[in-house]
C-alpha atoms as a PDB file:
ATOM      1  CA  MET A   1     302.469  10.079  53.434  1.00  0.00           C
ATOM      2  CA  LYS A   2     300.581   6.899  54.322  1.00  0.00           C
ATOM      3  CA  LYS A   3     297.401   8.493  55.665  1.00  0.00           C
ATOM      4  CA  ARG A   4     295.069   9.992  53.056  1.00  0.00           C
ATOM      5  CA  VAL A   5     293.582  13.423  53.657  1.00  0.00           C
ATOM      6  CA  TYR A   6     289.923  14.271  53.282  1.00  0.00           C
ATOM      7  CA  ASN A   7     289.910  15.667  49.745  1.00  0.00           C
ATOM      8  CA  PHE A   8     287.217  18.339  49.299  1.00  0.00           C
ATOM      9  CA  SER A   9     288.640  19.558  45.981  1.00  0.00           C
ATOM     10  CA  ALA A  10     286.109  20.628  43.358  1.00  0.00           C
ATOM     11  CA  GLY A  11     288.046  18.826  40.630  1.00  0.00           C
ATOM     12  CA  PRO A  12     290.080  16.943  39.774  1.00  0.00           C
ATOM     13  CA  ALA A  13     288.385  15.310  42.704  1.00  0.00           C
ATOM     14  CA  ILE A  14     288.378  12.342  45.033  1.00  0.00           C
ATOM     15  CA  LEU A  15     288.184   8.821  43.617  1.00  0.00           C
ATOM     16  CA  PRO A  16     286.898   5.706  45.399  1.00  0.00           C
ATOM     17  CA  GLU A  17     289.662   4.037  47.389  1.00  0.00           C
ATOM     18  CA  GLU A  18     288.604   0.654  46.012  1.00  0.00           C
ATOM     19  CA  VAL A  19     289.185   1.961  42.489  1.00  0.00           C
ATOM     20  CA  LEU A  20     292.605   3.366  43.346  1.00  0.00           C
ATOM     21  CA  LEU A  21     293.685   0.111  44.927  1.00  0.00           C
ATOM     22  CA  GLN A  22     292.474  -1.932  41.946  1.00  0.00           C
ATOM     23  CA  ALA A  23     294.306   0.427  39.576  1.00  0.00           C
ATOM     24  CA  GLN A  24     297.426   0.087  41.708  1.00  0.00           C
ATOM     25  CA  GLU A  25     297.229  -3.689  41.457  1.00  0.00           C
ATOM     26  CA  ASP A  26     296.772  -3.529  37.675  1.00  0.00           C
ATOM     27  CA  PHE A  27     299.245  -0.732  37.051  1.00  0.00           C
ATOM     28  CA  PHE A  28     302.397  -2.672  36.193  1.00  0.00           C
ATOM     29  CA  SER A  29     300.811  -5.607  34.394  1.00  0.00           C
ATOM     30  CA  TYR A  30     297.093  -5.533  33.646  1.00  0.00           C
ATOM     31  CA  GLN A  31     295.529  -8.935  34.381  1.00  0.00           C
ATOM     32  CA  GLY A  32     298.565 -10.892  33.238  1.00  0.00           C
ATOM     33  CA  THR A  33     299.005  -9.120  29.904  1.00  0.00           C
ATOM     34  CA  GLY A  34     302.553  -8.098  30.777  1.00  0.00           C
ATOM     35  CA  MET A  35     301.863  -4.412  30.203  1.00  0.00           C
ATOM     36  CA  SER A  36     300.061  -1.468  31.784  1.00  0.00           C
ATOM     37  CA  VAL A  37     296.766  -0.255  30.338  1.00  0.00           C
ATOM     38  CA  MET A  38     298.664   2.931  29.444  1.00  0.00           C
ATOM     39  CA  GLU A  39     300.895   0.900  27.124  1.00  0.00           C
ATOM     40  CA  MET A  40     298.169  -1.031  25.317  1.00  0.00           C
ATOM     41  CA  SER A  41     297.098  -0.482  21.758  1.00  0.00           C
ATOM     42  CA  HIS A  42     293.634   1.080  21.822  1.00  0.00           C
ATOM     43  CA  ARG A  43     292.748  -1.272  18.959  1.00  0.00           C
ATOM     44  CA  GLY A  44     293.909  -4.458  20.660  1.00  0.00           C
ATOM     45  CA  LYS A  45     291.498  -7.061  22.032  1.00  0.00           C
ATOM     46  CA  ASP A  46     292.464  -6.405  25.666  1.00  0.00           C
ATOM     47  CA  TYR A  47     291.639  -2.726  25.480  1.00  0.00           C
ATOM     48  CA  ASP A  48     288.577  -3.360  23.334  1.00  0.00           C
ATOM     49  CA  LYS A  49     287.147  -5.351  26.229  1.00  0.00           C
ATOM     50  CA  ILE A  50     287.936  -2.549  28.703  1.00  0.00           C
ATOM     51  CA  ILE A  51     286.125   0.195  26.779  1.00  0.00           C
ATOM     52  CA  LYS A  52     283.177  -1.987  25.787  1.00  0.00           C
ATOM     53  CA  THR A  53     282.687  -3.157  29.375  1.00  0.00           C
ATOM     54  CA  ALA A  54     282.819   0.453  30.597  1.00  0.00           C
ATOM     55  CA  GLU A  55     280.119   1.450  28.113  1.00  0.00           C
ATOM     56  CA  ALA A  56     277.954  -1.561  28.963  1.00  0.00           C
ATOM     57  CA  ASP A  57     278.167  -0.827  32.702  1.00  0.00           C
ATOM     58  CA  LEU A  58     277.281   2.836  32.146  1.00  0.00           C
ATOM     59  CA  ARG A  59     274.297   1.808  30.040  1.00  0.00           C
ATOM     60  CA  SER A  60     273.229  -0.501  32.867  1.00  0.00           C
ATOM     61  CA  LEU A  61     273.542   2.243  35.499  1.00  0.00           C
ATOM     62  CA  LEU A  62     271.342   4.681  33.548  1.00  0.00           C
ATOM     63  CA  ASN A  63     269.202   2.290  31.483  1.00  0.00           C
ATOM     64  CA  ILE A  64     270.556   3.834  28.290  1.00  0.00           C
ATOM     65  CA  GLY A  65     268.770   2.378  25.281  1.00  0.00           C
ATOM     66  CA  ASP A  66     270.089   1.577  21.836  1.00  0.00           C
ATOM     67  CA  ASP A  67     268.613   4.842  20.535  1.00  0.00           C
ATOM     68  CA  TYR A  68     271.445   6.694  22.300  1.00  0.00           C
ATOM     69  CA  ALA A  69     275.137   6.748  21.423  1.00  0.00           C
ATOM     70  CA  VAL A  70     277.812   6.844  24.127  1.00  0.00           C
ATOM     71  CA  LEU A  71     280.985   8.693  23.139  1.00  0.00           C
ATOM     72  CA  PHE A  72     284.294   8.932  25.004  1.00  0.00           C
ATOM     73  CA  LEU A  73     285.836  12.215  23.824  1.00  0.00           C
ATOM     74  CA  GLN A  74     288.518  14.689  24.862  1.00  0.00           C
ATOM     75  CA  GLY A  75     288.747  18.459  25.333  1.00  0.00           C
ATOM     76  CA  GLY A  76     286.687  18.644  28.511  1.00  0.00           C
ATOM     77  CA  ALA A  77     283.276  20.254  28.832  1.00  0.00           C
ATOM     78  CA  THR A  78     284.925  23.354  27.371  1.00  0.00           C
ATOM     79  CA  LEU A  79     285.156  21.766  23.922  1.00  0.00           C
ATOM     80  CA  GLN A  80     281.507  20.753  24.217  1.00  0.00           C
ATOM     81  CA  PHE A  81     280.584  24.429  24.588  1.00  0.00           C
ATOM     82  CA  SER A  82     281.550  24.625  20.891  1.00  0.00           C
ATOM     83  CA  MET A  83     280.682  21.133  19.639  1.00  0.00           C
ATOM     84  CA  VAL A  84     277.069  21.318  20.828  1.00  0.00           C
ATOM     85  CA  PRO A  85     276.124  24.418  18.799  1.00  0.00           C
ATOM     86  CA  LEU A  86     278.315  23.498  15.811  1.00  0.00           C
ATOM     87  CA  ASN A  87     276.554  20.142  15.490  1.00  0.00           C
ATOM     88  CA  LEU A  88     273.053  20.823  16.750  1.00  0.00           C
ATOM     89  CA  MET A  89     272.168  24.494  16.262  1.00  0.00           C
ATOM     90  CA  PRO A  90     271.704  24.384  12.443  1.00  0.00           C
ATOM     91  CA  PRO A  91     269.468  24.768  10.560  1.00  0.00           C
ATOM     92  CA  ALA A  92     267.454  26.900  13.003  1.00  0.00           C
ATOM     93  CA  ASN A  93     270.667  28.687  14.042  1.00  0.00           C
ATOM     94  CA  LYS A  94     269.159  29.701  17.353  1.00  0.00           C
ATOM     95  CA  ALA A  95     269.098  28.093  20.773  1.00  0.00           C
ATOM     96  CA  ASP A  96     267.943  28.766  24.334  1.00  0.00           C
ATOM     97  CA  TYR A  97     270.459  28.874  27.182  1.00  0.00           C
ATOM     98  CA  ILE A  98     269.659  28.961  30.898  1.00  0.00           C
ATOM     99  CA  VAL A  99     272.476  30.812  32.643  1.00  0.00           C
ATOM    100  CA  THR A 100     273.117  29.868  36.258  1.00  0.00           C
ATOM    101  CA  GLY A 101     276.849  30.359  36.714  1.00  0.00           C
ATOM    102  CA  ALA A 102     280.297  30.793  35.224  1.00  0.00           C
ATOM    103  CA  TRP A 103     280.255  27.622  33.108  1.00  0.00           C
ATOM    104  CA  SER A 104     276.908  28.297  31.460  1.00  0.00           C
ATOM    105  CA  LYS A 105     278.128  31.834  30.668  1.00  0.00           C
ATOM    106  CA  LYS A 106     281.133  30.316  28.898  1.00  0.00           C
ATOM    107  CA  ALA A 107     278.820  27.986  26.984  1.00  0.00           C
ATOM    108  CA  VAL A 108     276.793  31.005  25.818  1.00  0.00           C
ATOM    109  CA  LYS A 109     279.955  32.765  24.637  1.00  0.00           C
ATOM    110  CA  GLU A 110     280.849  29.882  22.310  1.00  0.00           C
ATOM    111  CA  ALA A 111     277.292  29.342  21.079  1.00  0.00           C
ATOM    112  CA  LYS A 112     277.070  32.975  19.988  1.00  0.00           C
ATOM    113  CA  ARG A 113     279.860  32.263  17.505  1.00  0.00           C
ATOM    114  CA  VAL A 114     277.504  29.855  15.720  1.00  0.00           C
ATOM    115  CA  GLY A 115     274.058  31.470  15.892  1.00  0.00           C
ATOM    116  CA  THR A 116     271.574  33.431  17.963  1.00  0.00           C
ATOM    117  CA  VAL A 117     271.440  32.735  21.679  1.00  0.00           C
ATOM    118  CA  ASN A 118     268.341  33.493  23.696  1.00  0.00           C
ATOM    119  CA  VAL A 119     269.110  33.649  27.413  1.00  0.00           C
ATOM    120  CA  ALA A 120     265.892  31.991  28.519  1.00  0.00           C
ATOM    121  CA  GLY A 121     266.578  32.530  32.209  1.00  0.00           C
ATOM    122  CA  THR A 122     269.344  33.804  34.445  1.00  0.00           C
ATOM    123  CA  THR A 123     269.969  34.719  38.064  1.00  0.00           C
ATOM    124  CA  GLU A 124     273.143  36.695  37.444  1.00  0.00           C
ATOM    125  CA  THR A 125     271.708  39.856  39.029  1.00  0.00           C
ATOM    126  CA  ASN A 126     271.539  37.880  42.296  1.00  0.00           C
ATOM    127  CA  ASN A 127     275.119  36.638  41.863  1.00  0.00           C
ATOM    128  CA  PHE A 128     273.757  33.202  40.988  1.00  0.00           C
ATOM    129  CA  ASN A 129     272.720  32.472  44.582  1.00  0.00           C
ATOM    130  CA  GLN A 130     269.564  30.709  43.356  1.00  0.00           C
ATOM    131  CA  LEU A 131     268.118  29.041  40.269  1.00  0.00           C
ATOM    132  CA  PRO A 132     265.446  30.560  38.022  1.00  0.00           C
ATOM    133  CA  LEU A 133     261.886  29.372  38.496  1.00  0.00           C
ATOM    134  CA  GLN A 134     260.227  27.392  35.733  1.00  0.00           C
ATOM    135  CA  SER A 135     257.707  30.215  35.396  1.00  0.00           C
ATOM    136  CA  ASP A 136     260.545  32.690  34.777  1.00  0.00           C
ATOM    137  CA  LEU A 137     261.928  30.838  31.744  1.00  0.00           C
ATOM    138  CA  LYS A 138     261.285  32.522  28.394  1.00  0.00           C
ATOM    139  CA  LEU A 139     261.616  29.579  26.040  1.00  0.00           C
ATOM    140  CA  ASP A 140     261.414  29.648  22.262  1.00  0.00           C
ATOM    141  CA  PRO A 141     259.447  26.636  20.919  1.00  0.00           C
ATOM    142  CA  GLN A 142     261.359  27.001  17.634  1.00  0.00           C
ATOM    143  CA  ALA A 143     264.805  26.819  19.286  1.00  0.00           C
ATOM    144  CA  ALA A 144     267.186  24.111  18.114  1.00  0.00           C
ATOM    145  CA  TYR A 145     267.707  23.048  21.732  1.00  0.00           C
ATOM    146  CA  VAL A 146     267.690  24.242  25.337  1.00  0.00           C
ATOM    147  CA  HIS A 147     271.010  24.114  27.200  1.00  0.00           C
ATOM    148  CA  TYR A 148     271.435  24.178  30.968  1.00  0.00           C
ATOM    149  CA  THR A 149     274.097  23.321  33.565  1.00  0.00           C
ATOM    150  CA  SER A 150     272.799  20.862  36.135  1.00  0.00           C
ATOM    151  CA  ASN A 151     275.187  21.724  38.986  1.00  0.00           C
ATOM    152  CA  ASN A 152     277.241  24.832  39.648  1.00  0.00           C
ATOM    153  CA  THR A 153     280.505  24.138  41.430  1.00  0.00           C
ATOM    154  CA  ILE A 154     281.324  27.788  42.123  1.00  0.00           C
ATOM    155  CA  PHE A 155     277.987  28.976  43.493  1.00  0.00           C
ATOM    156  CA  GLY A 156     276.708  25.735  45.032  1.00  0.00           C
ATOM    157  CA  THR A 157     273.372  25.426  43.222  1.00  0.00           C
ATOM    158  CA  GLN A 158     271.891  22.337  41.593  1.00  0.00           C
ATOM    159  CA  TRP A 159     268.779  21.516  39.580  1.00  0.00           C
ATOM    160  CA  LYS A 160     266.953  18.678  41.350  1.00  0.00           C
ATOM    161  CA  THR A 161     264.669  18.124  38.349  1.00  0.00           C
ATOM    162  CA  GLU A 162     265.154  19.037  34.719  1.00  0.00           C
ATOM    163  CA  PRO A 163     263.600  22.264  33.395  1.00  0.00           C
ATOM    164  CA  GLU A 164     260.487  21.609  31.344  1.00  0.00           C
ATOM    165  CA  VAL A 165     261.202  22.513  27.715  1.00  0.00           C
ATOM    166  CA  GLY A 166     258.378  20.914  25.724  1.00  0.00           C
ATOM    167  CA  ASN A 167     259.388  19.201  22.493  1.00  0.00           C
ATOM    168  CA  VAL A 168     262.703  21.025  22.137  1.00  0.00           C
ATOM    169  CA  PRO A 169     265.763  18.790  22.750  1.00  0.00           C
ATOM    170  CA  LEU A 170     267.266  19.297  26.198  1.00  0.00           C
ATOM    171  CA  ILE A 171     271.055  19.589  26.386  1.00  0.00           C
ATOM    172  CA  CYS A 172     272.816  19.332  29.746  1.00  0.00           C
ATOM    173  CA  ASP A 173     276.303  20.044  31.005  1.00  0.00           C
ATOM    174  CA  ALA A 174     276.361  17.560  33.886  1.00  0.00           C
ATOM    175  CA  SER A 175     280.103  17.733  34.500  1.00  0.00           C
ATOM    176  CA  SER A 176     279.920  18.263  38.243  1.00  0.00           C
ATOM    177  CA  ASP A 177     277.069  15.979  39.291  1.00  0.00           C
ATOM    178  CA  PHE A 178     276.809  13.233  36.667  1.00  0.00           C
ATOM    179  CA  LEU A 179     275.900   9.867  38.253  1.00  0.00           C
ATOM    180  CA  TYR A 180     275.056  11.400  41.644  1.00  0.00           C
ATOM    181  CA  LYS A 181     271.581   9.901  41.203  1.00  0.00           C
ATOM    182  CA  LYS A 182     269.561   8.043  38.612  1.00  0.00           C
ATOM    183  CA  ILE A 183     268.109  10.237  35.872  1.00  0.00           C
ATOM    184  CA  ASP A 184     265.716   9.510  33.025  1.00  0.00           C
ATOM    185  CA  ILE A 185     268.099   9.692  30.087  1.00  0.00           C
ATOM    186  CA  ASN A 186     265.140   9.792  27.705  1.00  0.00           C
ATOM    187  CA  LYS A 187     264.438  13.380  28.761  1.00  0.00           C
ATOM    188  CA  TYR A 188     267.686  14.488  27.125  1.00  0.00           C
ATOM    189  CA  GLY A 189     268.764  15.063  23.569  1.00  0.00           C
ATOM    190  CA  LEU A 190     272.377  15.198  24.723  1.00  0.00           C
ATOM    191  CA  ILE A 191     274.151  15.139  28.054  1.00  0.00           C
ATOM    192  CA  TYR A 192     277.880  15.684  28.534  1.00  0.00           C
ATOM    193  CA  ALA A 193     280.253  15.571  31.476  1.00  0.00           C
ATOM    194  CA  GLY A 194     283.950  15.843  32.139  1.00  0.00           C
ATOM    195  CA  ALA A 195     285.268  12.814  34.002  1.00  0.00           C
ATOM    196  CA  GLN A 196     287.149  14.617  36.761  1.00  0.00           C
ATOM    197  CA  LYS A 197     284.334  15.114  39.283  1.00  0.00           C
ATOM    198  CA  ASN A 198     282.402  11.861  39.669  1.00  0.00           C
ATOM    199  CA  MET A 199     283.815   9.481  37.054  1.00  0.00           C
ATOM    200  CA  GLY A 200     287.606   9.461  37.012  1.00  0.00           C
ATOM    201  CA  PRO A 201     290.722  11.538  36.425  1.00  0.00           C
ATOM    202  CA  ALA A 202     290.792  14.565  34.128  1.00  0.00           C
ATOM    203  CA  GLY A 203     291.225  13.856  30.438  1.00  0.00           C
ATOM    204  CA  CYS A 204     288.011  12.328  29.108  1.00  0.00           C
ATOM    205  CA  THR A 205     284.581  13.774  28.377  1.00  0.00           C
ATOM    206  CA  LEU A 206     281.522  11.573  28.198  1.00  0.00           C
ATOM    207  CA  VAL A 207     278.822  12.472  25.677  1.00  0.00           C
ATOM    208  CA  ILE A 208     275.481  10.667  25.491  1.00  0.00           C
ATOM    209  CA  ILE A 209     273.469  11.725  22.447  1.00  0.00           C
ATOM    210  CA  ARG A 210     270.152  10.636  20.988  1.00  0.00           C
ATOM    211  CA  LYS A 211     271.078   9.053  17.666  1.00  0.00           C
ATOM    212  CA  GLU A 212     268.413  10.880  15.678  1.00  0.00           C
ATOM    213  CA  LEU A 213     270.199  14.151  16.487  1.00  0.00           C
ATOM    214  CA  LEU A 214     273.254  12.915  14.611  1.00  0.00           C
ATOM    215  CA  ASP A 215     271.352  13.737  11.422  1.00  0.00           C
ATOM    216  CA  ARG A 216     271.973  17.402  12.233  1.00  0.00           C
ATOM    217  CA  CYS A 217     275.741  16.955  12.148  1.00  0.00           C
ATOM    218  CA  SER A 218     276.922  18.539   8.902  1.00  0.00           C
ATOM    219  CA  ASP A 219     279.592  16.911   6.766  1.00  0.00           C
ATOM    220  CA  SER A 220     281.087  20.382   6.350  1.00  0.00           C
ATOM    221  CA  LEU A 221     282.210  20.416   9.977  1.00  0.00           C
ATOM    222  CA  HIS A 222     285.869  19.897  10.800  1.00  0.00           C
ATOM    223  CA  THR A 223     286.179  16.150  11.170  1.00  0.00           C
ATOM    224  CA  TYR A 224     287.122  15.938  14.825  1.00  0.00           C
ATOM    225  CA  LEU A 225     284.300  18.326  15.804  1.00  0.00           C
ATOM    226  CA  ASN A 226     281.615  16.130  14.261  1.00  0.00           C
ATOM    227  CA  TYR A 227     279.696  13.845  16.654  1.00  0.00           C
ATOM    228  CA  LYS A 228     278.713  11.589  13.750  1.00  0.00           C
ATOM    229  CA  ILE A 229     282.364  10.825  12.985  1.00  0.00           C
ATOM    230  CA  HIS A 230     283.022   9.772  16.594  1.00  0.00           C
ATOM    231  CA  PHE A 231     279.882   7.618  16.606  1.00  0.00           C
ATOM    232  CA  GLU A 232     280.785   5.899  13.328  1.00  0.00           C
ATOM    233  CA  ASN A 233     284.270   5.170  14.679  1.00  0.00           C
ATOM    234  CA  ASP A 234     283.188   3.918  18.128  1.00  0.00           C
ATOM    235  CA  SER A 235     285.070   6.768  19.880  1.00  0.00           C
ATOM    236  CA  MET A 236     288.232   5.564  18.109  1.00  0.00           C
ATOM    237  CA  TYR A 237     288.619   8.158  15.356  1.00  0.00           C
ATOM    238  CA  ASN A 238     291.825   9.103  17.157  1.00  0.00           C
ATOM    239  CA  THR A 239     293.519   7.513  20.156  1.00  0.00           C
ATOM    240  CA  PRO A 240     291.122   7.917  23.100  1.00  0.00           C
ATOM    241  CA  SER A 241     292.109   8.643  26.688  1.00  0.00           C
ATOM    242  CA  THR A 242     292.763   4.966  27.288  1.00  0.00           C
ATOM    243  CA  TYR A 243     293.836   4.995  30.932  1.00  0.00           C
ATOM    244  CA  ILE A 244     291.146   7.495  31.957  1.00  0.00           C
ATOM    245  CA  ILE A 245     288.448   5.322  30.368  1.00  0.00           C
ATOM    246  CA  TYR A 246     289.865   2.301  32.198  1.00  0.00           C
ATOM    247  CA  ILE A 247     289.487   4.179  35.519  1.00  0.00           C
ATOM    248  CA  MET A 248     285.984   5.301  34.547  1.00  0.00           C
ATOM    249  CA  GLY A 249     285.121   1.676  33.931  1.00  0.00           C
ATOM    250  CA  LEU A 250     286.294   0.802  37.441  1.00  0.00           C
ATOM    251  CA  VAL A 251     284.147   3.619  38.850  1.00  0.00           C
ATOM    252  CA  PHE A 252     281.079   2.386  36.963  1.00  0.00           C
ATOM    253  CA  LYS A 253     281.714  -1.111  38.341  1.00  0.00           C
ATOM    254  CA  TRP A 254     282.102   0.360  41.846  1.00  0.00           C
ATOM    255  CA  LEU A 255     278.728   2.087  41.529  1.00  0.00           C
ATOM    256  CA  LEU A 256     277.053  -1.116  40.378  1.00  0.00           C
ATOM    257  CA  ASN A 257     278.606  -3.076  43.237  1.00  0.00           C
ATOM    258  CA  MET A 258     277.352  -0.459  45.706  1.00  0.00           C
ATOM    259  CA  GLY A 259     273.810  -1.108  44.578  1.00  0.00           C
ATOM    260  CA  GLY A 260     273.444   1.400  41.759  1.00  0.00           C
ATOM    261  CA  LEU A 261     272.548   5.063  41.526  1.00  0.00           C
ATOM    262  CA  ASP A 262     269.524   5.000  43.824  1.00  0.00           C
ATOM    263  CA  LYS A 263     271.819   3.825  46.597  1.00  0.00           C
ATOM    264  CA  MET A 264     274.382   6.460  45.609  1.00  0.00           C
ATOM    265  CA  TYR A 265     271.731   9.185  45.789  1.00  0.00           C
ATOM    266  CA  GLU A 266     270.661   8.064  49.253  1.00  0.00           C
ATOM    267  CA  ARG A 267     274.256   8.280  50.412  1.00  0.00           C
ATOM    268  CA  ASN A 268     274.772  11.704  48.804  1.00  0.00           C
ATOM    269  CA  LEU A 269     271.592  13.039  50.379  1.00  0.00           C
ATOM    270  CA  ASN A 270     272.666  11.869  53.840  1.00  0.00           C
ATOM    271  CA  LYS A 271     276.108  13.465  53.487  1.00  0.00           C
ATOM    272  CA  ALA A 272     274.779  16.811  52.299  1.00  0.00           C
ATOM    273  CA  ASN A 273     271.994  16.965  54.903  1.00  0.00           C
ATOM    274  CA  LEU A 274     274.498  16.338  57.690  1.00  0.00           C
ATOM    275  CA  LEU A 275     276.563  19.351  56.632  1.00  0.00           C
ATOM    276  CA  TYR A 276     273.710  21.687  55.724  1.00  0.00           C
ATOM    277  CA  ASN A 277     271.830  20.912  58.943  1.00  0.00           C
ATOM    278  CA  TYR A 278     274.832  21.898  61.024  1.00  0.00           C
ATOM    279  CA  ILE A 279     275.389  25.096  59.017  1.00  0.00           C
ATOM    280  CA  ASP A 280     271.737  26.076  59.528  1.00  0.00           C
ATOM    281  CA  ALA A 281     271.945  25.310  63.244  1.00  0.00           C
ATOM    282  CA  SER A 282     275.094  27.376  63.858  1.00  0.00           C
ATOM    283  CA  ASN A 283     273.156  30.592  64.582  1.00  0.00           C
ATOM    284  CA  GLY A 284     274.757  32.507  61.741  1.00  0.00           C
ATOM    285  CA  TYR A 285     278.366  31.582  62.507  1.00  0.00           C
ATOM    286  CA  TYR A 286     278.343  29.599  59.275  1.00  0.00           C
ATOM    287  CA  THR A 287     275.984  30.811  56.529  1.00  0.00           C
ATOM    288  CA  GLY A 288     275.086  28.971  53.349  1.00  0.00           C
ATOM    289  CA  THR A 289     275.412  31.087  50.200  1.00  0.00           C
ATOM    290  CA  VAL A 290     272.357  29.671  48.381  1.00  0.00           C
ATOM    291  CA  VAL A 291     269.127  31.537  49.108  1.00  0.00           C
ATOM    292  CA  ASN A 292     266.609  28.738  48.515  1.00  0.00           C
ATOM    293  CA  PRO A 293     267.330  25.466  50.363  1.00  0.00           C
ATOM    294  CA  GLY A 294     265.785  23.553  47.459  1.00  0.00           C
ATOM    295  CA  ASP A 295     268.471  24.915  45.136  1.00  0.00           C
ATOM    296  CA  ARG A 296     271.376  23.730  47.274  1.00  0.00           C
ATOM    297  CA  SER A 297     273.875  21.408  45.634  1.00  0.00           C
ATOM    298  CA  LEU A 298     274.470  17.955  47.071  1.00  0.00           C
ATOM    299  CA  MET A 299     277.923  17.998  45.464  1.00  0.00           C
ATOM    300  CA  ASN A 300     279.351  21.432  46.358  1.00  0.00           C
ATOM    301  CA  VAL A 301     278.404  22.927  49.727  1.00  0.00           C
ATOM    302  CA  THR A 302     279.296  26.627  49.745  1.00  0.00           C
ATOM    303  CA  PHE A 303     279.233  28.753  52.892  1.00  0.00           C
ATOM    304  CA  ARG A 304     280.722  31.805  54.572  1.00  0.00           C
ATOM    305  CA  LEU A 305     281.940  32.655  58.052  1.00  0.00           C
ATOM    306  CA  THR A 306     281.396  35.999  59.754  1.00  0.00           C
ATOM    307  CA  SER A 307     284.546  37.605  58.288  1.00  0.00           C
ATOM    308  CA  GLU A 308     287.140  36.929  55.609  1.00  0.00           C
ATOM    309  CA  ASP A 309     289.890  36.821  58.229  1.00  0.00           C
ATOM    310  CA  LEU A 310     288.007  34.114  60.083  1.00  0.00           C
ATOM    311  CA  GLU A 311     287.546  32.205  56.832  1.00  0.00           C
ATOM    312  CA  LYS A 312     291.275  32.297  56.160  1.00  0.00           C
ATOM    313  CA  LYS A 313     291.960  30.994  59.651  1.00  0.00           C
ATOM    314  CA  PHE A 314     289.315  28.288  59.254  1.00  0.00           C
ATOM    315  CA  ILE A 315     290.746  27.082  55.930  1.00  0.00           C
ATOM    316  CA  ALA A 316     294.335  27.108  57.214  1.00  0.00           C
ATOM    317  CA  GLU A 317     293.528  25.175  60.389  1.00  0.00           C
ATOM    318  CA  ALA A 318     291.306  22.747  58.484  1.00  0.00           C
ATOM    319  CA  SER A 319     294.101  22.049  56.015  1.00  0.00           C
ATOM    320  CA  ALA A 320     296.556  21.405  58.847  1.00  0.00           C
ATOM    321  CA  ALA A 321     294.037  18.970  60.341  1.00  0.00           C
ATOM    322  CA  GLY A 322     293.775  16.958  57.115  1.00  0.00           C
ATOM    323  CA  PHE A 323     290.775  18.645  55.456  1.00  0.00           C
ATOM    324  CA  SER A 324     292.130  19.600  52.023  1.00  0.00           C
ATOM    325  CA  GLY A 325     290.634  21.804  49.304  1.00  0.00           C
ATOM    326  CA  LEU A 326     288.086  23.798  51.310  1.00  0.00           C
ATOM    327  CA  LYS A 327     288.943  27.209  49.912  1.00  0.00           C
ATOM    328  CA  GLY A 328     286.119  28.647  47.812  1.00  0.00           C
ATOM    329  CA  HIS A 329     286.593  29.496  44.157  1.00  0.00           C
ATOM    330  CA  ARG A 330     288.830  32.517  43.672  1.00  0.00           C
ATOM    331  CA  SER A 331     285.983  34.473  42.035  1.00  0.00           C
ATOM    332  CA  VAL A 332     283.674  34.297  45.067  1.00  0.00           C
ATOM    333  CA  GLY A 333     285.808  33.401  48.103  1.00  0.00           C
ATOM    334  CA  GLY A 334     284.312  31.747  51.141  1.00  0.00           C
ATOM    335  CA  VAL A 335     284.420  28.021  51.839  1.00  0.00           C
ATOM    336  CA  ARG A 336     283.437  25.139  49.561  1.00  0.00           C
ATOM    337  CA  ALA A 337     283.180  21.509  50.555  1.00  0.00           C
ATOM    338  CA  SER A 338     282.910  19.309  47.471  1.00  0.00           C
ATOM    339  CA  ILE A 339     281.467  15.983  48.550  1.00  0.00           C
ATOM    340  CA  TYR A 340     281.196  14.003  45.336  1.00  0.00           C
ATOM    341  CA  ASN A 341     280.141  10.351  45.116  1.00  0.00           C
ATOM    342  CA  ALA A 342     283.444   8.965  46.379  1.00  0.00           C
ATOM    343  CA  PHE A 343     283.678  11.265  49.382  1.00  0.00           C
ATOM    344  CA  PRO A 344     283.168   9.179  52.559  1.00  0.00           C
ATOM    345  CA  GLU A 345     280.307   9.846  54.968  1.00  0.00           C
ATOM    346  CA  LYS A 346     282.749   9.742  57.870  1.00  0.00           C
ATOM    347  CA  GLY A 347     284.652  12.620  56.275  1.00  0.00           C
ATOM    348  CA  VAL A 348     281.560  14.822  56.387  1.00  0.00           C
ATOM    349  CA  ALA A 349     280.916  13.886  60.024  1.00  0.00           C
ATOM    350  CA  ASP A 350     284.528  14.682  60.884  1.00  0.00           C
ATOM    351  CA  LEU A 351     284.281  18.049  59.124  1.00  0.00           C
ATOM    352  CA  VAL A 352     281.156  18.910  61.106  1.00  0.00           C
ATOM    353  CA  GLN A 353     283.005  18.046  64.324  1.00  0.00           C
ATOM    354  CA  PHE A 354     285.905  20.268  63.245  1.00  0.00           C
ATOM    355  CA  MET A 355     283.466  23.110  62.500  1.00  0.00           C
ATOM    356  CA  GLN A 356     281.918  22.729  65.954  1.00  0.00           C
ATOM    357  CA  ASP A 357     285.316  22.814  67.627  1.00  0.00           C
ATOM    358  CA  PHE A 358     286.442  25.803  65.563  1.00  0.00           C
ATOM    359  CA  LYS A 359     283.310  27.720  66.506  1.00  0.00           C
ATOM    360  CA  LEU A 360     283.892  27.054  70.222  1.00  0.00           C
ATOM    361  CA  LYS A 361     287.521  28.244  70.021  1.00  0.00           C
ATOM    362  CA  ASN A 362     286.774  31.308  67.905  1.00  0.00           C
END
């Protein structure tokens, strides 16, 4: 198949075409080395340059200072659900969690194995169709940290600004919207994200941690679960996800060449507004699932049609027309258009045109 579809998958997700083409060019023999990146020793000078350049470009994108460590790990965000409390919850052995969807619930489950979890805020009774208000958060000033999930792929909500947590370290699972805009990294004690939404293929997890928090990491922890070990070994305690990190480096370079994260945010805002504006103007034929417009995700646009049968028809006809991955998560149904950084603006415009035509015919 020579023509690429519009890939609305929630993850693994779309990658920039420029990155794919560069990877294709480098695939057989990377820059004259006579071997693929996948065949390189992770301790050789050629790969050392790849991973160090990737880290330097990420630091440039987010203005990450020397007081933060950047770690390239494995195990997905799911492993971080355990590593965060194992490393950072002691000695207080209690932490605040803001629960806004399925992934934050899973994070709570693992944290409870380590210590006491205070659910500082949740919208589960409303089926997570909105985010809690700052005034609704019941935060413990003695908590080891406050954990939240910045974007919820299943329910289509997204924090536009960080919750205010005082002097307690803020921990964020940013797996599904990392690098969608510029953030102030200094507001965070730790931020983690799986690569497979906005950074690259599945198989690597990025962790950015304030170095002073490494003092909490106990030597009694299993070695691989200790952030301090990964920091001391420059993410090379074991063989890292070499090819994934190479692709991530290409994505970081792509973002820089586009003009940085402010430019990326402007593009993401335009794409999301185009789709949301049409949904709101469809007189109830299409209905967004998020109650408060300010809570709507710029990455995952979730909506319903007037019946499940109509939704099935919509998804089937959209797929046949080259719009892939629009089926909502199996736990909630409906339709979900994931329009991550690499998703083209023309693809959103074409989807809106398809939605208009479908409405006229049905």
